[in-house]
Amino acid sequence: MLNKYGHPYIGGAFCTDRMKSVPFAKYCQEKFGKGNYITWLGIRTDEPNRLKRANGFRYLADISDFEKQDVLDWWSEQKFDLGIQEHLGNCVFCIKKSMQKVALAAMDEPELADAFINILDTEIKTGKEPVMYRGNNTLKSLIALFSDISRDELASRMTSMRQYDSGSCSESCEAFSCQLGFNFEDAA
């Protein structure tokens, strides 16, 4: 994917589009015909900033008052737990996550960070560092930016800044984000 499209960046989050939205739309158009289906997205009632009205799209919040805690409660009753800390969920080094979440993920998964940096360096042959994150940062520069802060201090700051709350881009990687005009520049 990197060879074909380059690396994702804040204004070009094509990874979700190419891996979710396009295959989904192609399948539905082949199966039901263009315009003959409604796309339902699992955006909850406690995520009002993510509710963007558009033709052909509906939301869980339209039919349910579930909030994040309801989802967590449901998962707590299941026989298994994925055992993933929230900042490590979805794509670990996603461009939509805050710089703090990406830095904390790199602290918690240094081998994965090294592997991702190696893939970026190998697959993107522009001779420049792949600027992917807010503030014209690369993964390497984010790691350096937070290198003087301990892992526990950074995690504590994130908790006090409510970066694990709903709407903080903790669970956001939905298909059709480009079509619905979600602005990840504003995500915390």
N, C-alpha and C. Protein backbone atom coordinates (compact mmCIF):
# COMPACT_ATOMS: atom_id res chain seq x y z
N MET A 1 0.83 -1.18 0.00
CA MET A 1 0.00 0.00 0.00
C MET A 1 0.88 1.26 0.00
N LEU A 2 1.96 1.21 0.78
CA LEU A 2 2.87 2.35 0.81
C LEU A 2 3.50 2.58 -0.56
N ASN A 3 3.84 1.50 -1.25
CA ASN A 3 4.42 1.64 -2.58
C ASN A 3 3.47 2.34 -3.54
N LYS A 4 2.19 2.02 -3.44
CA LYS A 4 1.21 2.57 -4.38
C LYS A 4 0.79 3.99 -4.02
N TYR A 5 0.52 4.24 -2.73
CA TYR A 5 -0.07 5.51 -2.32
C TYR A 5 0.85 6.41 -1.51
N GLY A 6 2.00 5.90 -1.07
CA GLY A 6 2.83 6.67 -0.15
C GLY A 6 2.30 6.48 1.26
N HIS A 7 2.75 7.32 2.18
CA HIS A 7 2.32 7.16 3.58
C HIS A 7 1.09 8.02 3.85
N PRO A 8 0.25 7.58 4.76
CA PRO A 8 -0.89 8.42 5.14
C PRO A 8 -0.41 9.65 5.91
N TYR A 9 -1.21 10.68 5.92
CA TYR A 9 -0.90 11.90 6.66
C TYR A 9 -2.23 12.54 7.03
N ILE A 10 -2.19 13.55 7.88
CA ILE A 10 -3.42 14.13 8.42
C ILE A 10 -4.41 14.50 7.33
N GLY A 11 -3.98 15.13 6.27
CA GLY A 11 -4.90 15.51 5.20
C GLY A 11 -5.15 14.41 4.19
N GLY A 12 -4.52 13.27 4.36
CA GLY A 12 -4.67 12.17 3.42
C GLY A 12 -4.74 10.83 4.11
N ALA A 13 -5.81 10.64 4.85
CA ALA A 13 -6.01 9.38 5.58
C ALA A 13 -6.63 8.34 4.66
N PHE A 14 -5.93 8.06 3.57
CA PHE A 14 -6.47 7.15 2.55
C PHE A 14 -6.48 5.70 3.01
N CYS A 15 -5.77 5.36 4.06
CA CYS A 15 -5.69 3.96 4.48
C CYS A 15 -7.08 3.42 4.81
N THR A 16 -7.87 4.17 5.57
CA THR A 16 -9.23 3.74 5.89
C THR A 16 -10.08 3.66 4.63
N ASP A 17 -9.93 4.63 3.76
CA ASP A 17 -10.71 4.65 2.53
C ASP A 17 -10.40 3.43 1.67
N ARG A 18 -9.11 3.16 1.46
CA ARG A 18 -8.72 2.06 0.56
C ARG A 18 -8.98 0.68 1.17
N MET A 19 -8.90 0.57 2.49
CA MET A 19 -9.05 -0.76 3.10
C MET A 19 -10.45 -1.03 3.65
N LYS A 20 -11.27 0.01 3.81
CA LYS A 20 -12.62 -0.19 4.35
C LYS A 20 -13.69 0.35 3.41
N SER A 21 -13.67 1.65 3.18
CA SER A 21 -14.76 2.30 2.45
C SER A 21 -14.92 1.80 1.03
N VAL A 22 -13.83 1.77 0.27
CA VAL A 22 -13.91 1.37 -1.13
C VAL A 22 -14.36 -0.09 -1.28
N PRO A 23 -13.75 -1.05 -0.55
CA PRO A 23 -14.24 -2.43 -0.68
C PRO A 23 -15.71 -2.59 -0.25
N PHE A 24 -16.10 -1.90 0.82
CA PHE A 24 -17.49 -1.98 1.28
C PHE A 24 -18.45 -1.45 0.22
N ALA A 25 -18.16 -0.27 -0.30
CA ALA A 25 -19.03 0.33 -1.31
C ALA A 25 -19.10 -0.54 -2.56
N LYS A 26 -17.97 -1.08 -2.98
CA LYS A 26 -17.96 -1.95 -4.16
C LYS A 26 -18.83 -3.18 -3.94
N TYR A 27 -18.69 -3.81 -2.78
CA TYR A 27 -19.50 -4.98 -2.47
C TYR A 27 -20.99 -4.63 -2.47
N CYS A 28 -21.37 -3.57 -1.77
CA CYS A 28 -22.78 -3.20 -1.67
C CYS A 28 -23.37 -2.81 -3.02
N GLN A 29 -22.60 -2.11 -3.84
CA GLN A 29 -23.10 -1.73 -5.16
C GLN A 29 -23.29 -2.95 -6.04
N GLU A 30 -22.37 -3.92 -5.94
CA GLU A 30 -22.52 -5.15 -6.72
C GLU A 30 -23.69 -5.99 -6.21
N LYS A 31 -23.87 -6.03 -4.90
CA LYS A 31 -24.89 -6.88 -4.28
C LYS A 31 -26.28 -6.26 -4.35
N PHE A 32 -26.39 -4.95 -4.08
CA PHE A 32 -27.70 -4.30 -3.96
C PHE A 32 -27.99 -3.26 -5.03
N GLY A 33 -26.97 -2.80 -5.72
CA GLY A 33 -27.13 -1.74 -6.71
C GLY A 33 -26.86 -0.38 -6.09
N LYS A 34 -26.28 0.50 -6.88
CA LYS A 34 -25.90 1.83 -6.40
C LYS A 34 -27.13 2.58 -5.88
N GLY A 35 -27.01 3.10 -4.66
CA GLY A 35 -28.09 3.87 -4.06
C GLY A 35 -29.22 3.05 -3.48
N ASN A 36 -29.10 1.73 -3.50
CA ASN A 36 -30.16 0.86 -3.01
C ASN A 36 -29.88 0.28 -1.62
N TYR A 37 -29.05 0.94 -0.86
CA TYR A 37 -28.75 0.47 0.49
C TYR A 37 -28.43 1.67 1.38
N ILE A 38 -28.54 1.44 2.68
CA ILE A 38 -28.18 2.46 3.67
C ILE A 38 -26.99 1.93 4.45
N THR A 39 -26.00 2.76 4.64
CA THR A 39 -24.81 2.40 5.40
C THR A 39 -25.01 2.81 6.86
N TRP A 40 -24.89 1.84 7.76
CA TRP A 40 -25.01 2.10 9.20
C TRP A 40 -23.62 2.14 9.82
N LEU A 41 -23.32 3.20 10.56
CA LEU A 41 -22.04 3.34 11.25
C LEU A 41 -22.29 3.32 12.76
N GLY A 42 -21.37 2.72 13.49
CA GLY A 42 -21.52 2.53 14.93
C GLY A 42 -21.11 3.71 15.77
N ILE A 43 -21.53 4.90 15.40
CA ILE A 43 -21.22 6.09 16.20
C ILE A 43 -22.29 6.23 17.27
N ARG A 44 -21.83 6.32 18.52
CA ARG A 44 -22.73 6.31 19.67
C ARG A 44 -23.29 7.69 19.97
N THR A 45 -24.28 7.71 20.84
CA THR A 45 -24.94 8.96 21.23
C THR A 45 -24.00 9.90 21.99
N ASP A 46 -22.95 9.36 22.63
CA ASP A 46 -22.02 10.20 23.38
C ASP A 46 -20.89 10.73 22.49
N GLU A 47 -21.04 10.61 21.19
CA GLU A 47 -20.05 11.11 20.24
C GLU A 47 -20.69 12.11 19.27
N PRO A 48 -21.34 13.15 19.77
CA PRO A 48 -22.09 14.04 18.89
C PRO A 48 -21.23 14.74 17.84
N ASN A 49 -19.98 15.00 18.12
CA ASN A 49 -19.12 15.67 17.14
C ASN A 49 -18.80 14.79 15.94
N ARG A 50 -19.03 13.48 16.07
CA ARG A 50 -18.76 12.56 14.97
C ARG A 50 -20.01 12.29 14.14
N LEU A 51 -21.15 12.82 14.55
CA LEU A 51 -22.40 12.61 13.81
C LEU A 51 -22.51 13.65 12.70
N LYS A 52 -22.23 13.24 11.50
CA LYS A 52 -22.32 14.11 10.33
C LYS A 52 -23.42 13.56 9.44
N ARG A 53 -24.46 14.31 9.26
CA ARG A 53 -25.59 13.85 8.44
C ARG A 53 -25.21 13.86 6.96
N ALA A 54 -25.51 12.75 6.30
CA ALA A 54 -25.25 12.63 4.86
C ALA A 54 -26.23 11.61 4.29
N ASN A 55 -26.60 11.81 3.05
CA ASN A 55 -27.52 10.88 2.39
C ASN A 55 -26.91 9.48 2.35
N GLY A 56 -27.73 8.49 2.68
CA GLY A 56 -27.30 7.11 2.62
C GLY A 56 -26.58 6.61 3.86
N PHE A 57 -26.43 7.45 4.88
CA PHE A 57 -25.74 7.06 6.11
C PHE A 57 -26.66 7.22 7.31
N ARG A 58 -26.62 6.24 8.21
CA ARG A 58 -27.34 6.30 9.48
C ARG A 58 -26.37 5.88 10.57
N TYR A 59 -26.75 6.15 11.83
CA TYR A 59 -25.85 5.92 12.95
C TYR A 59 -26.53 5.13 14.06
N LEU A 60 -25.74 4.37 14.80
CA LEU A 60 -26.23 3.66 15.97
C LEU A 60 -26.95 4.62 16.90
N ALA A 61 -26.45 5.83 17.01
CA ALA A 61 -27.07 6.83 17.89
C ALA A 61 -28.50 7.16 17.48
N ASP A 62 -28.87 6.88 16.23
CA ASP A 62 -30.24 7.13 15.77
C ASP A 62 -31.23 6.16 16.40
N ILE A 63 -30.77 4.99 16.81
CA ILE A 63 -31.68 3.96 17.31
C ILE A 63 -31.33 3.44 18.70
N SER A 64 -30.24 3.92 19.28
CA SER A 64 -29.79 3.42 20.58
C SER A 64 -29.18 4.55 21.39
N ASP A 65 -29.36 4.47 22.70
CA ASP A 65 -28.74 5.47 23.58
C ASP A 65 -27.46 4.93 24.21
N PHE A 66 -26.86 3.90 23.61
CA PHE A 66 -25.62 3.34 24.12
C PHE A 66 -24.53 4.41 24.15
N GLU A 67 -23.79 4.39 25.24
CA GLU A 67 -22.61 5.24 25.37
C GLU A 67 -21.39 4.35 25.55
N LYS A 68 -20.23 4.95 25.60
CA LYS A 68 -19.00 4.17 25.70
C LYS A 68 -19.03 3.23 26.90
N GLN A 69 -19.52 3.69 28.04
CA GLN A 69 -19.55 2.84 29.23
C GLN A 69 -20.43 1.62 29.02
N ASP A 70 -21.50 1.76 28.26
CA ASP A 70 -22.35 0.60 27.95
C ASP A 70 -21.57 -0.45 27.16
N VAL A 71 -20.76 0.01 26.23
CA VAL A 71 -19.94 -0.91 25.44
C VAL A 71 -18.91 -1.59 26.33
N LEU A 72 -18.25 -0.81 27.19
CA LEU A 72 -17.25 -1.38 28.10
C LEU A 72 -17.90 -2.39 29.05
N ASP A 73 -19.09 -2.05 29.55
CA ASP A 73 -19.82 -2.98 30.44
C ASP A 73 -20.14 -4.28 29.72
N TRP A 74 -20.60 -4.17 28.48
CA TRP A 74 -20.92 -5.37 27.70
C TRP A 74 -19.67 -6.24 27.54
N TRP A 75 -18.55 -5.62 27.16
CA TRP A 75 -17.33 -6.39 26.97
C TRP A 75 -16.85 -7.01 28.28
N SER A 76 -17.08 -6.35 29.40
CA SER A 76 -16.63 -6.91 30.68
C SER A 76 -17.36 -8.20 31.03
N GLU A 77 -18.51 -8.42 30.43
CA GLU A 77 -19.30 -9.63 30.69
C GLU A 77 -18.97 -10.78 29.73
N GLN A 78 -18.09 -10.54 28.76
CA GLN A 78 -17.74 -11.57 27.79
C GLN A 78 -16.70 -12.53 28.38
N LYS A 79 -16.57 -13.69 27.77
CA LYS A 79 -15.67 -14.73 28.27
C LYS A 79 -14.20 -14.43 28.00
N PHE A 80 -13.93 -13.45 27.17
CA PHE A 80 -12.54 -13.13 26.86
C PHE A 80 -12.34 -11.62 26.86
N ASP A 81 -11.11 -11.23 27.00
CA ASP A 81 -10.73 -9.82 26.96
C ASP A 81 -9.52 -9.72 26.03
N LEU A 82 -9.58 -8.81 25.10
CA LEU A 82 -8.46 -8.66 24.18
C LEU A 82 -7.18 -8.23 24.89
N GLY A 83 -7.33 -7.62 26.06
CA GLY A 83 -6.17 -7.23 26.83
C GLY A 83 -5.34 -6.14 26.17
N ILE A 84 -5.99 -5.28 25.42
CA ILE A 84 -5.28 -4.20 24.73
C ILE A 84 -5.60 -2.89 25.43
N GLN A 85 -4.56 -2.16 25.80
CA GLN A 85 -4.80 -0.83 26.34
C GLN A 85 -5.36 0.05 25.24
N GLU A 86 -6.19 0.99 25.63
CA GLU A 86 -6.92 1.78 24.63
C GLU A 86 -6.02 2.49 23.63
N HIS A 87 -4.91 3.03 24.08
CA HIS A 87 -4.04 3.77 23.16
C HIS A 87 -3.33 2.84 22.17
N LEU A 88 -3.40 1.52 22.40
CA LEU A 88 -2.81 0.56 21.48
C LEU A 88 -3.84 -0.06 20.54
N GLY A 89 -5.09 0.35 20.67
CA GLY A 89 -6.15 -0.20 19.83
C GLY A 89 -6.13 0.36 18.43
N ASN A 90 -6.90 -0.31 17.56
CA ASN A 90 -6.97 0.03 16.14
C ASN A 90 -5.56 0.04 15.57
N CYS A 91 -5.25 0.91 14.65
CA CYS A 91 -3.89 0.99 14.11
C CYS A 91 -3.03 1.68 15.17
N VAL A 92 -2.01 1.00 15.63
CA VAL A 92 -1.25 1.46 16.79
C VAL A 92 -0.67 2.86 16.59
N PHE A 93 -0.13 3.14 15.42
CA PHE A 93 0.50 4.44 15.17
C PHE A 93 -0.33 5.28 14.19
N CYS A 94 -1.63 5.20 14.33
CA CYS A 94 -2.56 5.88 13.42
C CYS A 94 -2.35 7.40 13.43
N ILE A 95 -2.44 7.99 12.26
CA ILE A 95 -2.29 9.43 12.12
C ILE A 95 -3.43 10.20 12.78
N LYS A 96 -4.54 9.53 13.05
CA LYS A 96 -5.69 10.20 13.66
C LYS A 96 -5.56 10.30 15.18
N LYS A 97 -4.62 9.57 15.75
CA LYS A 97 -4.42 9.61 17.20
C LYS A 97 -3.64 10.87 17.57
N SER A 98 -3.79 11.27 18.83
CA SER A 98 -3.03 12.43 19.30
C SER A 98 -1.54 12.09 19.33
N MET A 99 -0.72 13.11 19.33
CA MET A 99 0.72 12.90 19.40
C MET A 99 1.08 12.15 20.68
N GLN A 100 0.38 12.46 21.79
CA GLN A 100 0.64 11.79 23.06
C GLN A 100 0.34 10.29 22.96
N LYS A 101 -0.78 9.95 22.33
CA LYS A 101 -1.13 8.53 22.19
C LYS A 101 -0.11 7.78 21.34
N VAL A 102 0.33 8.40 20.27
CA VAL A 102 1.33 7.76 19.41
C VAL A 102 2.64 7.59 20.18
N ALA A 103 3.06 8.62 20.92
CA ALA A 103 4.30 8.53 21.70
C ALA A 103 4.19 7.45 22.78
N LEU A 104 3.05 7.39 23.46
CA LEU A 104 2.85 6.37 24.49
C LEU A 104 2.85 4.97 23.87
N ALA A 105 2.23 4.84 22.71
CA ALA A 105 2.24 3.55 22.01
C ALA A 105 3.67 3.14 21.67
N ALA A 106 4.49 4.09 21.23
CA ALA A 106 5.88 3.79 20.91
C ALA A 106 6.66 3.40 22.16
N MET A 107 6.34 4.02 23.29
CA MET A 107 6.99 3.64 24.56
C MET A 107 6.59 2.23 24.98
N ASP A 108 5.32 1.90 24.80
CA ASP A 108 4.83 0.58 25.21
C ASP A 108 5.19 -0.52 24.23
N GLU A 109 5.39 -0.18 22.99
CA GLU A 109 5.69 -1.17 21.94
C GLU A 109 6.89 -0.71 21.11
N PRO A 110 8.08 -0.63 21.73
CA PRO A 110 9.24 -0.10 21.00
C PRO A 110 9.65 -0.95 19.79
N GLU A 111 9.51 -2.28 19.89
CA GLU A 111 9.86 -3.12 18.75
C GLU A 111 8.91 -2.88 17.58
N LEU A 112 7.64 -2.70 17.89
CA LEU A 112 6.65 -2.41 16.85
C LEU A 112 6.93 -1.04 16.22
N ALA A 113 7.30 -0.06 17.04
CA ALA A 113 7.64 1.27 16.52
C ALA A 113 8.85 1.17 15.59
N ASP A 114 9.87 0.42 16.01
CA ASP A 114 11.05 0.25 15.15
C ASP A 114 10.69 -0.43 13.83
N ALA A 115 9.84 -1.45 13.91
CA ALA A 115 9.42 -2.16 12.69
C ALA A 115 8.65 -1.23 11.76
N PHE A 116 7.77 -0.40 12.33
CA PHE A 116 6.98 0.53 11.52
C PHE A 116 7.88 1.58 10.87
N ILE A 117 8.82 2.11 11.64
CA ILE A 117 9.78 3.08 11.09
C ILE A 117 10.57 2.44 9.96
N ASN A 118 10.99 1.20 10.15
CA ASN A 118 11.75 0.49 9.12
C ASN A 118 10.93 0.31 7.85
N ILE A 119 9.66 -0.04 8.00
CA ILE A 119 8.78 -0.19 6.83
C ILE A 119 8.65 1.15 6.10
N LEU A 120 8.43 2.21 6.86
CA LEU A 120 8.31 3.54 6.24
C LEU A 120 9.59 3.91 5.51
N ASP A 121 10.73 3.68 6.16
CA ASP A 121 12.02 4.02 5.54
C ASP A 121 12.30 3.18 4.30
N THR A 122 11.88 1.92 4.32
CA THR A 122 12.14 1.00 3.21
C THR A 122 11.20 1.23 2.04
N GLU A 123 9.92 1.41 2.34
CA GLU A 123 8.91 1.46 1.29
C GLU A 123 8.75 2.84 0.65
N ILE A 124 9.11 3.87 1.37
CA ILE A 124 8.94 5.23 0.84
C ILE A 124 10.31 5.77 0.47
N LYS A 125 10.57 5.83 -0.80
CA LYS A 125 11.91 6.15 -1.28
C LYS A 125 11.99 7.60 -1.79
N THR A 126 11.55 8.54 -0.97
CA THR A 126 11.61 9.94 -1.38
C THR A 126 12.88 10.61 -0.89
N GLY A 127 13.58 9.96 0.04
CA GLY A 127 14.77 10.56 0.62
C GLY A 127 14.45 11.47 1.78
N LYS A 128 13.17 11.65 2.08
CA LYS A 128 12.75 12.50 3.20
C LYS A 128 12.08 11.64 4.26
N GLU A 129 12.10 12.14 5.48
CA GLU A 129 11.37 11.47 6.55
C GLU A 129 9.87 11.58 6.27
N PRO A 130 9.12 10.52 6.49
CA PRO A 130 7.67 10.56 6.23
C PRO A 130 6.91 11.36 7.29
N VAL A 131 6.57 12.60 6.97
CA VAL A 131 5.80 13.45 7.88
C VAL A 131 4.36 12.97 7.83
N MET A 132 3.91 12.41 8.95
CA MET A 132 2.58 11.83 9.00
C MET A 132 1.68 12.49 10.04
N TYR A 133 2.25 13.08 11.05
CA TYR A 133 1.48 13.51 12.22
C TYR A 133 1.36 15.02 12.32
N ARG A 134 0.49 15.45 13.21
CA ARG A 134 0.27 16.88 13.45
C ARG A 134 1.60 17.57 13.74
N GLY A 135 1.66 18.84 13.42
CA GLY A 135 2.87 19.62 13.69
C GLY A 135 4.05 19.21 12.83
N ASN A 136 3.78 18.66 11.65
CA ASN A 136 4.84 18.21 10.73
C ASN A 136 5.79 17.21 11.37
N ASN A 137 5.24 16.30 12.16
CA ASN A 137 6.05 15.31 12.85
C ASN A 137 6.08 13.98 12.11
N THR A 138 7.22 13.32 12.25
CA THR A 138 7.38 11.94 11.83
C THR A 138 7.25 11.08 13.09
N LEU A 139 7.19 9.77 12.92
CA LEU A 139 7.16 8.91 14.11
C LEU A 139 8.45 9.08 14.90
N LYS A 140 9.57 9.18 14.20
CA LYS A 140 10.86 9.39 14.89
C LYS A 140 10.86 10.69 15.69
N SER A 141 10.33 11.77 15.10
CA SER A 141 10.35 13.05 15.81
C SER A 141 9.39 13.05 17.00
N LEU A 142 8.28 12.32 16.89
CA LEU A 142 7.37 12.21 18.04
C LEU A 142 8.03 11.46 19.19
N ILE A 143 8.72 10.39 18.85
CA ILE A 143 9.43 9.63 19.88
C ILE A 143 10.46 10.53 20.56
N ALA A 144 11.20 11.30 19.79
CA ALA A 144 12.20 12.21 20.35
C ALA A 144 11.54 13.32 21.18
N LEU A 145 10.41 13.84 20.70
CA LEU A 145 9.71 14.92 21.39
C LEU A 145 9.31 14.53 22.81
N PHE A 146 8.94 13.28 23.00
CA PHE A 146 8.47 12.82 24.31
C PHE A 146 9.51 11.97 25.04
N SER A 147 10.75 11.97 24.56
CA SER A 147 11.78 11.10 25.14
C SER A 147 12.19 11.50 26.56
N ASP A 148 11.97 12.75 26.93
CA ASP A 148 12.35 13.18 28.28
C ASP A 148 11.22 13.03 29.29
N ILE A 149 10.12 12.42 28.88
CA ILE A 149 8.98 12.20 29.76
C ILE A 149 8.85 10.70 29.99
N SER A 150 8.65 10.30 31.24
CA SER A 150 8.50 8.87 31.51
C SER A 150 7.17 8.36 30.97
N ARG A 151 7.10 7.08 30.75
CA ARG A 151 5.89 6.45 30.27
C ARG A 151 4.72 6.72 31.21
N ASP A 152 4.95 6.56 32.52
CA ASP A 152 3.87 6.76 33.49
C ASP A 152 3.42 8.21 33.56
N GLU A 153 4.37 9.14 33.43
CA GLU A 153 4.01 10.57 33.43
C GLU A 153 3.15 10.90 32.21
N LEU A 154 3.52 10.39 31.06
CA LEU A 154 2.75 10.64 29.85
C LEU A 154 1.35 10.04 29.96
N ALA A 155 1.25 8.82 30.46
CA ALA A 155 -0.06 8.18 30.64
C ALA A 155 -0.91 8.97 31.62
N SER A 156 -0.30 9.47 32.68
CA SER A 156 -1.02 10.28 33.67
C SER A 156 -1.51 11.59 33.05
N ARG A 157 -0.68 12.22 32.26
CA ARG A 157 -1.09 13.45 31.57
C ARG A 157 -2.28 13.20 30.65
N MET A 158 -2.23 12.09 29.94
CA MET A 158 -3.31 11.77 29.01
C MET A 158 -4.62 11.55 29.76
N THR A 159 -4.55 10.88 30.90
CA THR A 159 -5.75 10.66 31.71
C THR A 159 -6.29 11.99 32.21
N SER A 160 -5.41 12.86 32.70
CA SER A 160 -5.88 14.16 33.22
C SER A 160 -6.38 15.06 32.10
N MET A 161 -5.88 14.87 30.88
CA MET A 161 -6.35 15.65 29.74
C MET A 161 -7.56 15.01 29.08
N ARG A 162 -8.04 13.92 29.65
CA ARG A 162 -9.24 13.20 29.20
C ARG A 162 -9.10 12.68 27.77
N GLN A 163 -7.89 12.26 27.43
CA GLN A 163 -7.67 11.76 26.07
C GLN A 163 -8.18 10.34 25.87
N TYR A 164 -8.72 9.73 26.91
CA TYR A 164 -9.33 8.42 26.75
C TYR A 164 -10.84 8.52 26.71
N ASP A 165 -11.39 9.72 26.83
CA ASP A 165 -12.83 9.91 26.82
C ASP A 165 -13.38 9.79 25.40
N SER A 166 -14.69 9.61 25.30
CA SER A 166 -15.34 9.55 24.00
C SER A 166 -15.10 10.85 23.25
N GLY A 167 -14.90 10.71 21.97
CA GLY A 167 -14.67 11.88 21.13
C GLY A 167 -13.23 12.31 21.11
N SER A 168 -12.35 11.58 21.81
CA SER A 168 -10.95 11.96 21.85
C SER A 168 -10.12 11.20 20.83
N CYS A 169 -10.80 10.62 19.86
CA CYS A 169 -10.14 9.83 18.82
C CYS A 169 -9.60 8.53 19.38
N SER A 170 -10.19 8.06 20.47
CA SER A 170 -9.72 6.82 21.06
C SER A 170 -10.22 5.61 20.31
N GLU A 171 -11.35 5.72 19.66
CA GLU A 171 -11.92 4.58 18.98
C GLU A 171 -12.27 4.89 17.54
N SER A 172 -11.65 5.91 16.98
CA SER A 172 -12.05 6.39 15.67
C SER A 172 -11.18 5.83 14.56
N CYS A 173 -11.78 5.07 13.69
CA CYS A 173 -11.13 4.64 12.47
C CYS A 173 -12.21 4.16 11.52
N GLU A 174 -13.30 4.91 11.50
CA GLU A 174 -14.46 4.45 10.75
C GLU A 174 -14.29 4.67 9.26
N ALA A 175 -14.92 3.76 8.56
CA ALA A 175 -14.99 3.91 7.11
C ALA A 175 -15.82 5.14 6.80
N PHE A 176 -15.62 5.70 5.64
CA PHE A 176 -16.39 6.84 5.14
C PHE A 176 -16.08 8.15 5.86
N SER A 177 -14.99 8.21 6.63
CA SER A 177 -14.66 9.45 7.33
C SER A 177 -14.40 10.58 6.35
N CYS A 178 -13.80 10.29 5.21
CA CYS A 178 -13.55 11.34 4.21
C CYS A 178 -14.85 11.81 3.58
N GLN A 179 -15.73 10.86 3.27
CA GLN A 179 -17.00 11.21 2.63
C GLN A 179 -17.89 12.02 3.57
N LEU A 180 -17.74 11.81 4.87
CA LEU A 180 -18.59 12.51 5.84
C LEU A 180 -17.94 13.78 6.37
N GLY A 181 -16.73 14.06 5.96
CA GLY A 181 -16.08 15.31 6.32
C GLY A 181 -15.57 15.37 7.75
N PHE A 182 -15.14 14.23 8.33
CA PHE A 182 -14.57 14.28 9.67
C PHE A 182 -13.25 15.02 9.61
N ASN A 183 -13.00 15.87 10.59
CA ASN A 183 -11.78 16.67 10.62
C ASN A 183 -10.87 16.15 11.71
N PHE A 184 -9.84 15.41 11.33
CA PHE A 184 -8.95 14.83 12.32
C PHE A 184 -7.89 15.81 12.79
N GLU A 185 -7.79 16.97 12.16
CA GLU A 185 -6.90 18.01 12.65
C GLU A 185 -7.33 18.46 14.04
N ASP A 186 -8.65 18.43 14.30
CA ASP A 186 -9.18 18.89 15.57
C ASP A 186 -9.19 17.81 16.63
N ALA A 187 -8.90 16.56 16.27
CA ALA A 187 -8.94 15.47 17.24
C ALA A 187 -7.82 15.65 18.25
N ALA A 188 -8.12 15.31 19.48
CA ALA A 188 -7.12 15.47 20.54
C ALA A 188 -6.18 14.30 20.58
